[in-house]
Protein backbone atom coordinates (compact mmCIF):
# COMPACT_ATOMS: atom_id res chain seq x y z
CA MET A 1 109.38 51.64 -49.47
CA THR A 2 112.64 50.34 -50.83
CA GLU A 3 112.55 49.60 -54.54
CA ARG A 4 113.95 46.23 -55.67
CA PRO A 5 116.87 46.54 -58.07
CA SER A 6 115.96 45.46 -61.56
CA PRO A 7 118.09 42.69 -63.07
CA SER A 8 120.65 43.64 -65.65
CA ARG A 9 119.59 43.13 -69.20
CA ASN A 10 121.53 42.30 -72.32
CA ALA A 11 121.31 43.89 -75.73
CA ALA A 12 118.26 41.80 -76.59
CA GLY A 13 116.39 43.13 -73.56
CA ARG A 14 116.42 39.79 -71.68
CA PRO A 15 117.83 39.27 -68.21
CA ASP A 16 121.36 37.89 -68.16
CA SER A 17 120.16 34.96 -66.06
CA ASP A 18 118.06 33.75 -69.01
CA GLN A 19 121.11 33.23 -71.26
CA PRO A 20 122.00 29.60 -72.00
CA PRO A 21 125.34 28.56 -70.44
CA LEU A 22 128.35 28.68 -72.69
CA PRO A 23 129.65 25.27 -73.86
CA PRO A 24 132.74 24.08 -72.03
CA ALA A 25 136.05 24.83 -73.63
CA ARG A 26 137.31 21.99 -75.80
CA PHE A 27 140.90 21.43 -76.85
CA ALA A 28 141.09 20.85 -80.61
CA TYR A 29 143.84 18.23 -80.21
CA ASP A 30 141.86 15.73 -78.18
CA ARG A 31 142.49 12.00 -77.90
CA THR A 32 140.49 11.14 -81.02
CA THR A 33 142.44 13.66 -83.10
CA TRP A 34 145.80 12.31 -81.98
CA LYS A 35 144.66 8.76 -82.82
CA GLU A 36 143.67 9.90 -86.30
CA ILE A 37 147.04 11.63 -86.76
CA ALA A 38 148.85 8.46 -85.62
CA HIS A 39 146.83 6.39 -88.09
CA LEU A 40 147.60 8.75 -90.97
CA LEU A 41 151.33 8.79 -90.20
CA ALA A 42 151.35 4.98 -90.01
CA ASN A 43 149.67 4.71 -93.41
CA LEU A 44 152.96 4.99 -95.30
CA PRO A 45 154.87 2.04 -93.75
CA VAL A 46 151.74 -0.12 -93.55
CA SER A 47 150.69 0.56 -97.14
CA LEU A 48 154.25 0.01 -98.33
CA LEU A 49 154.32 -3.39 -96.62
CA GLY A 50 150.97 -4.38 -98.16
CA PHE A 51 151.96 -3.21 -101.64
CA VAL A 52 155.25 -5.10 -101.56
CA TYR A 53 153.44 -8.22 -100.37
CA VAL A 54 150.85 -8.03 -103.14
CA VAL A 55 153.38 -7.43 -105.89
CA THR A 56 155.89 -10.02 -104.66
CA VAL A 57 153.66 -12.92 -103.69
CA LEU A 58 150.54 -12.60 -105.78
CA PHE A 59 152.04 -11.33 -109.02
CA THR A 60 154.77 -13.96 -108.76
CA GLY A 61 152.12 -16.62 -108.25
CA ALA A 62 150.15 -15.31 -111.22
CA TRP A 63 153.23 -15.45 -113.46
CA LEU A 64 154.00 -18.98 -112.29
CA THR A 65 150.53 -20.35 -113.00
CA VAL A 66 152.00 -22.06 -116.05
CA THR A 67 153.95 -24.27 -113.62
CA VAL A 68 152.90 -26.70 -110.91
CA ILE A 69 153.55 -24.30 -108.03
CA GLY A 70 151.80 -21.25 -109.50
CA PHE A 71 148.22 -21.84 -108.35
CA PRO A 72 149.15 -23.10 -104.85
CA LEU A 73 151.41 -20.06 -104.42
CA LEU A 74 148.62 -17.74 -105.54
CA ALA A 75 146.16 -19.42 -103.16
CA ALA A 76 148.64 -19.11 -100.29
CA GLY A 77 149.12 -15.44 -101.17
CA LEU A 78 145.36 -14.81 -100.99
CA MET A 79 145.17 -16.51 -97.62
CA GLY A 80 148.05 -14.33 -96.44
CA ALA A 81 146.21 -11.26 -97.74
CA ARG A 82 143.32 -12.23 -95.48
CA GLN A 83 145.69 -11.91 -92.51
CA LEU A 84 146.84 -8.47 -93.68
CA GLY A 85 143.20 -7.45 -93.86
CA LYS A 86 142.68 -8.69 -90.31
CA LEU A 87 145.57 -6.53 -89.10
CA GLU A 88 144.19 -3.49 -90.93
CA ARG A 89 140.76 -4.00 -89.37
CA ALA A 90 142.42 -4.16 -85.95
CA ARG A 91 144.36 -0.94 -86.67
CA ALA A 92 141.23 0.85 -87.82
CA ARG A 93 139.36 -0.39 -84.77
CA ALA A 94 142.05 0.86 -82.38
CA LEU A 95 142.82 4.23 -84.00
CA LEU A 96 139.72 5.16 -86.01
CA GLY A 97 137.00 3.52 -83.94
CA VAL A 98 135.70 1.61 -86.96
CA ARG A 99 133.89 -1.57 -85.94
CA VAL A 100 133.95 -3.97 -88.89
CA ASP A 101 132.77 -7.57 -88.65
CA GLU A 102 135.33 -10.23 -89.40
CA PRO A 103 134.56 -12.11 -92.63
CA SER A 104 133.64 -15.75 -92.35
CA PRO A 105 136.69 -18.04 -92.41
CA LEU A 106 137.24 -20.24 -95.41
CA PRO A 107 135.51 -23.60 -94.74
CA LEU A 108 138.68 -25.64 -95.13
CA ARG A 109 138.39 -28.98 -93.37
CA GLY A 110 141.71 -30.70 -93.92
CA SER A 111 141.41 -34.04 -95.65
CA ARG A 112 137.63 -33.80 -95.80
CA ASN A 113 137.58 -31.70 -98.96
CA GLY A 114 140.78 -32.82 -100.63
CA PHE A 115 143.59 -30.70 -102.02
CA PHE A 116 142.05 -29.42 -105.26
CA PRO A 117 138.66 -28.37 -103.79
CA GLN A 118 140.55 -26.47 -101.07
CA LEU A 119 142.78 -24.88 -103.70
CA TRP A 120 139.81 -23.72 -105.77
CA LEU A 121 138.04 -22.41 -102.66
CA ALA A 122 141.09 -20.29 -101.78
CA LEU A 123 141.55 -19.01 -105.35
CA LYS A 124 137.99 -17.69 -105.63
CA ASP A 125 137.92 -16.18 -102.13
CA PRO A 126 136.29 -12.71 -102.49
CA VAL A 127 137.64 -11.54 -99.12
CA GLY A 128 141.22 -12.24 -100.20
CA TRP A 129 140.80 -10.49 -103.56
CA ARG A 130 139.23 -7.37 -101.99
CA THR A 131 142.11 -7.21 -99.53
CA VAL A 132 144.54 -7.43 -102.46
CA LEU A 133 142.76 -4.49 -104.10
CA TYR A 134 142.87 -2.56 -100.82
CA ASP A 135 146.63 -3.10 -100.41
CA PHE A 136 147.30 -2.29 -104.07
CA ILE A 137 145.59 1.12 -104.07
CA ARG A 138 146.80 2.11 -100.61
CA LEU A 139 150.41 2.97 -101.51
CA PRO A 140 149.69 6.31 -103.26
CA TRP A 141 147.10 7.11 -100.58
CA GLY A 142 149.58 6.27 -97.83
CA ILE A 143 152.21 8.55 -99.35
CA LEU A 144 149.65 11.37 -99.72
CA THR A 145 148.24 11.15 -96.18
CA PHE A 146 151.70 10.81 -94.61
CA THR A 147 153.01 13.86 -96.49
CA ILE A 148 149.99 16.06 -95.75
CA THR A 149 149.86 15.11 -92.07
CA LEU A 150 153.59 15.49 -91.48
CA THR A 151 153.66 18.86 -93.24
CA SER A 152 150.60 20.10 -91.37
CA LEU A 153 152.23 19.29 -88.04
CA PHE A 154 154.76 22.09 -88.71
CA VAL A 155 152.95 24.41 -91.15
CA LEU A 156 149.18 24.09 -90.68
CA TRP A 157 148.99 23.36 -86.99
CA PRO A 158 145.74 25.29 -86.25
CA VAL A 159 143.73 23.50 -88.95
CA LEU A 160 145.39 20.09 -88.67
CA PRO A 161 142.48 18.60 -86.65
CA PHE A 162 140.10 19.37 -89.52
CA ILE A 163 142.51 18.00 -92.11
CA ALA A 164 143.10 14.84 -90.05
CA ARG A 165 139.36 14.31 -89.63
CA GLY A 166 138.72 14.55 -93.38
CA LEU A 167 141.57 12.17 -94.32
CA ALA A 168 140.63 9.74 -91.54
CA ASN A 169 137.02 9.67 -92.76
CA ALA A 170 138.28 8.65 -96.19
CA ASP A 171 140.24 5.85 -94.49
CA ARG A 172 137.13 4.77 -92.63
CA ALA A 173 135.23 4.56 -95.91
CA MET A 174 137.96 2.42 -97.50
CA VAL A 175 138.01 0.00 -94.57
CA ARG A 176 134.23 -0.35 -94.56
CA GLY A 177 134.05 -0.71 -98.33
CA LEU A 178 136.88 -3.17 -98.95
CA LEU A 179 137.69 -4.93 -95.69
CA SER A 180 134.22 -5.69 -94.36
CA PRO A 181 132.09 -8.65 -95.47
CA SER A 182 130.47 -7.59 -98.74
CA ASP A 183 127.03 -8.59 -97.51
CA GLU A 184 125.18 -11.36 -95.79
CA LEU A 185 125.21 -13.37 -99.03
CA GLU A 186 128.96 -13.86 -98.80
CA ARG A 187 128.68 -15.16 -95.24
CA ARG A 188 125.82 -17.42 -96.29
CA ILE A 189 127.81 -18.83 -99.20
CA ALA A 190 130.67 -19.75 -96.85
CA GLU A 191 128.24 -21.44 -94.49
CA LEU A 192 126.63 -23.39 -97.32
CA GLU A 193 130.04 -24.50 -98.59
CA SER A 194 130.78 -25.84 -95.12
CA ASP A 195 127.34 -27.42 -94.74
CA ARG A 196 127.69 -29.20 -98.07
CA GLY A 197 130.74 -31.03 -96.72
CA VAL A 198 128.73 -32.09 -93.66
CA VAL A 199 125.91 -33.44 -95.82
CA VAL A 200 128.34 -35.39 -98.02
CA ASP A 201 130.09 -36.88 -94.99
CA THR A 202 126.78 -37.80 -93.36
CA ALA A 203 125.56 -39.49 -96.53
CA ALA A 204 128.83 -41.41 -96.87
CA ALA A 205 128.61 -42.55 -93.22
CA ASP A 206 125.02 -43.72 -93.77
CA LEU A 207 126.05 -45.71 -96.82
CA ARG A 208 128.90 -47.34 -94.89
CA ARG A 209 126.49 -48.22 -92.09
CA ILE A 210 124.03 -49.80 -94.53
CA GLU A 211 126.83 -51.73 -96.20
CA ARG A 212 128.11 -52.97 -92.83
CA ASP A 213 124.63 -53.99 -91.68
CA LEU A 214 124.02 -55.89 -94.90
CA HIS A 215 127.41 -57.62 -94.78
CA ASP A 216 127.30 -58.59 -91.12
CA GLY A 217 123.58 -59.30 -90.92
CA ALA A 218 121.31 -60.39 -93.73
CA GLN A 219 124.11 -61.29 -96.15
CA ALA A 220 125.82 -63.59 -93.63
CA ARG A 221 122.54 -65.29 -92.81
CA LEU A 222 121.74 -65.83 -96.49
CA VAL A 223 125.17 -67.39 -97.02
CA ASN A 224 124.57 -69.78 -94.12
CA LEU A 225 121.11 -70.48 -95.50
CA ALA A 226 122.52 -71.42 -98.91
CA MET A 227 125.11 -73.72 -97.33
CA GLY A 228 122.48 -75.37 -95.11
CA LEU A 229 120.12 -75.98 -98.03
CA GLY A 230 123.03 -77.44 -100.02
CA LEU A 231 123.80 -79.94 -97.25
CA ALA A 232 120.10 -80.76 -96.87
CA LYS A 233 119.90 -81.50 -100.60
CA GLU A 234 122.82 -83.96 -100.33
CA LYS A 235 121.22 -85.76 -97.37
CA LEU A 236 117.70 -85.76 -98.77
CA LEU A 237 117.91 -89.39 -100.02
CA GLU A 238 120.47 -90.79 -97.58
CA ASP A 239 119.10 -89.31 -94.33
CA PRO A 240 115.68 -87.71 -94.79
CA ASP A 241 115.32 -86.92 -91.06
CA SER A 242 118.60 -84.93 -90.97
CA ALA A 243 117.61 -83.18 -94.19
CA ALA A 244 114.24 -82.22 -92.71
CA ALA A 245 115.99 -80.82 -89.63
CA MET A 246 118.34 -78.77 -91.84
CA VAL A 247 115.39 -77.43 -93.84
CA GLU A 248 113.67 -76.46 -90.60
CA GLU A 249 116.80 -74.64 -89.45
CA ALA A 250 117.07 -72.92 -92.83
CA HIS A 251 113.46 -71.80 -92.46
CA GLY A 252 114.37 -70.12 -89.18
CA GLU A 253 117.34 -68.41 -90.83
CA VAL A 254 115.04 -67.09 -93.56
CA LYS A 255 112.75 -65.54 -90.93
CA LEU A 256 115.69 -63.90 -89.15
CA ALA A 257 117.11 -62.58 -92.44
CA LEU A 258 113.75 -61.11 -93.38
CA GLN A 259 113.46 -59.44 -89.98
CA GLU A 260 116.95 -57.94 -90.32
CA LEU A 261 116.09 -56.64 -93.79
CA ARG A 262 112.91 -55.07 -92.40
CA ASP A 263 114.90 -53.41 -89.62
CA LEU A 264 117.44 -52.16 -92.13
CA ALA A 265 114.70 -50.78 -94.38
CA ARG A 266 113.14 -49.09 -91.35
CA GLY A 267 116.51 -47.49 -90.63
CA ILE A 268 116.71 -46.14 -94.19
CA HIS A 269 113.16 -44.79 -94.30
CA PRO A 270 110.34 -46.48 -92.40
CA ALA A 271 107.19 -47.27 -94.31
CA VAL A 272 105.01 -46.00 -91.47
CA LEU A 273 106.58 -42.54 -91.83
CA THR A 274 105.80 -42.43 -95.54
CA ASP A 275 102.26 -43.75 -95.12
CA ARG A 276 101.07 -42.13 -91.89
CA GLY A 277 103.44 -39.30 -90.97
CA LEU A 278 105.38 -38.27 -87.88
CA ASP A 279 102.71 -39.01 -85.28
CA ALA A 280 102.47 -42.71 -86.08
CA ALA A 281 106.18 -43.10 -86.87
CA LEU A 282 107.36 -41.48 -83.63
CA SER A 283 104.83 -43.48 -81.62
CA ALA A 284 106.29 -46.65 -83.13
CA VAL A 285 109.83 -45.53 -82.21
CA ALA A 286 108.70 -44.64 -78.67
CA SER A 287 107.16 -48.09 -78.21
CA ARG A 288 110.58 -49.66 -78.72
CA CYS A 289 112.28 -47.39 -76.15
CA THR A 290 113.12 -49.02 -72.81
CA VAL A 291 111.75 -45.92 -71.03
CA PRO A 292 108.04 -45.00 -71.08
CA VAL A 293 107.67 -42.15 -73.58
CA LYS A 294 104.73 -39.80 -74.08
CA VAL A 295 104.50 -38.58 -77.68
CA THR A 296 102.57 -35.44 -78.63
CA VAL A 297 102.52 -34.32 -82.27
CA ASP A 298 100.51 -31.16 -82.99
CA LEU A 299 100.68 -30.67 -86.76
CA LEU A 300 97.80 -29.70 -89.01
CA SER A 301 99.74 -30.72 -92.12
CA ARG A 302 102.85 -32.66 -93.01
CA PRO A 303 106.20 -31.01 -93.83
CA ALA A 304 108.35 -31.89 -96.83
CA ALA A 305 109.52 -35.50 -96.91
CA ALA A 306 113.18 -34.56 -96.35
CA ILE A 307 112.35 -32.44 -93.27
CA GLU A 308 110.03 -35.15 -91.97
CA GLY A 309 112.78 -37.74 -92.37
CA ILE A 310 115.34 -35.63 -90.51
CA ALA A 311 112.87 -35.02 -87.69
CA TYR A 312 112.14 -38.75 -87.44
CA PHE A 313 115.78 -39.84 -87.30
CA THR A 314 116.63 -37.05 -84.83
CA VAL A 315 113.97 -38.24 -82.39
CA SER A 316 114.89 -41.88 -83.04
CA GLU A 317 118.54 -41.32 -82.13
CA LEU A 318 117.66 -39.22 -79.09
CA LEU A 319 115.37 -41.98 -77.79
CA GLN A 320 118.12 -44.54 -78.35
CA ASN A 321 120.44 -42.36 -76.25
CA ILE A 322 117.80 -42.21 -73.52
CA SER A 323 117.53 -46.00 -73.55
CA LYS A 324 121.30 -46.54 -73.40
CA HIS A 325 122.70 -43.69 -71.32
CA SER A 326 120.14 -41.68 -69.36
CA TRP A 327 118.92 -44.04 -66.59
CA ALA A 328 115.63 -42.19 -66.96
CA LYS A 329 112.24 -43.34 -65.66
CA THR A 330 110.09 -41.27 -68.01
CA ALA A 331 110.53 -39.29 -71.19
CA SER A 332 108.46 -37.21 -73.58
CA VAL A 333 108.51 -36.10 -77.21
CA ASP A 334 106.69 -32.97 -78.37
CA VAL A 335 106.49 -31.86 -82.00
CA TRP A 336 104.72 -28.73 -83.20
CA ARG A 337 104.89 -25.98 -85.79
CA SER A 338 105.64 -22.33 -85.04
CA ASP A 339 105.39 -20.02 -88.05
CA ASP A 340 107.88 -21.39 -90.59
CA ARG A 341 109.74 -23.69 -88.16
CA LEU A 342 109.18 -27.30 -87.13
CA LEU A 343 110.04 -27.63 -83.44
CA ILE A 344 110.96 -30.81 -81.61
CA GLN A 345 111.55 -31.18 -77.89
CA VAL A 346 112.71 -34.41 -76.28
CA TRP A 347 112.79 -34.52 -72.46
CA ASP A 348 113.83 -37.15 -69.93
CA ASP A 349 114.28 -37.23 -66.15
CA GLY A 350 117.59 -39.09 -66.28
CA ARG A 351 120.99 -38.31 -64.81
CA GLY A 352 121.81 -35.50 -67.27
CA GLY A 353 125.31 -34.50 -68.33
CA ALA A 354 124.64 -34.84 -72.08
CA SER A 355 126.68 -32.57 -74.35
CA LEU A 356 127.69 -32.13 -77.97
CA ASP A 357 131.10 -33.63 -77.18
CA GLY A 358 129.87 -36.46 -75.02
CA GLY A 359 130.40 -39.22 -77.57
CA THR A 360 126.68 -40.11 -77.91
CA GLY A 361 126.15 -38.87 -81.45
CA MET A 362 124.91 -35.42 -80.41
CA ARG A 363 127.51 -33.65 -82.53
CA GLY A 364 126.40 -35.57 -85.61
CA LEU A 365 122.78 -34.60 -84.98
CA ALA A 366 123.75 -30.95 -84.57
CA ASP A 367 125.75 -31.00 -87.81
CA ARG A 368 122.90 -32.67 -89.70
CA LEU A 369 120.40 -30.06 -88.56
CA ASP A 370 122.83 -27.19 -89.18
CA ALA A 371 123.23 -28.38 -92.78
CA VAL A 372 119.54 -27.60 -93.46
CA ASP A 373 119.39 -24.31 -91.51
CA GLY A 374 118.26 -26.08 -88.38
CA LEU A 375 119.10 -25.56 -84.72
CA PHE A 376 120.07 -28.05 -82.00
CA VAL A 377 120.22 -27.04 -78.32
CA ILE A 378 120.95 -29.22 -75.28
CA GLU A 379 120.10 -28.34 -71.68
CA SER A 380 121.41 -31.15 -69.50
CA PRO A 381 122.82 -30.25 -66.09
CA GLN A 382 124.45 -32.95 -64.00
CA GLY A 383 121.68 -34.78 -62.20
CA GLY A 384 119.16 -33.98 -64.92
CA PRO A 385 116.71 -33.49 -66.34
CA THR A 386 117.73 -33.30 -70.00
CA THR A 387 115.89 -31.22 -72.58
CA VAL A 388 116.92 -31.31 -76.23
CA THR A 389 115.31 -28.78 -78.54
CA ALA A 390 115.63 -29.06 -82.30
CA GLU A 391 114.34 -26.66 -84.93
CA LEU A 392 113.96 -27.36 -88.63
CA PRO A 393 112.77 -25.07 -91.41
CA TRP A 394 109.18 -25.82 -92.37
CA ARG A 395 108.88 -26.66 -96.02
CA ASP A 396 105.52 -27.56 -97.46
CA ARG A 397 105.05 -31.08 -98.68
CA VAL A 398 105.10 -31.48 -102.45
CA PRO A 399 102.01 -33.31 -103.80
CA GLY A 400 102.81 -36.91 -104.54
CA GLN A 401 105.41 -37.34 -101.78
CA GLY A 402 103.12 -39.72 -99.90
């Protein structure tokens, strides 16, 4: 019988076929290494540019703060530093593979804030100041990394990949530490600064609306009432019948003025909302809509008065839009609580096409909800139906709010 040949064995006594395969050969100067080398060689000109910018613009602005142009120049320099930081983040992303979120933009809104609030906002910008620090300390580092990398290209070629990796890691740490948003708090502060402007503008618009309604409505009727009663007084003895007719007309004007004042008070804050809550208040609003509306409110308790008011006026304006623009036959309003959120959904079977930029007040509603950490979403394809979902933070009602 022929004997089978035994497999060859290695020094450890195991068959050669049991050995794990050798890893594939890898060239030390791969694409990542060359990118790191390119970044390190570019550090010198880039850091020189940033250092010159910081010294020239910001230090000049600081010295000129005793004059009129000092603070605006310093603010402009900080805003320019933001742009340098943006370029550095792009360079690190392309050459070092560092993914750093862009900081929130400064909430500058043109004439909305005014010159001095914008100036102060730019002067205290933490992103700008951290970028200034980054550019200021980078010059000696740029000189060091450029010199080491350039020398290693000709002298320390075999170990250059390891040197480049170590220096590039230090660069990665600098970018993450100084050019990324410091934390979520900074982003939140910027959002709150922006939201505060929205709240102020909304309040100012509401005051103008109330003033206009008073001037054009109840105030005008009361003026006519006073004039009519004055004429009736003059005719009381000469022509009692005409005077009686004028008094009757004045009585009608009084009723209309009172009704307009009630409507205006309801627009400010309806009594039914204070006394009975969202269920009754929204049912009253729905009864005035030209489209049949089914209202469902599933709340075991009442939210804070401010949240309740925003929810009421959101639904009220949405139902007004349905009456004026939707051509709907039916609509519904659903309100419920989910964890720490108050959810509102308004639906109609109208023609659709609603959007935040459609000129029906949707943008104002979205801004108002955003100012209190809310959410406003529209789903309204052409042809309908339209579903508007709003979320508000649930805040417990303080005892004594009604």
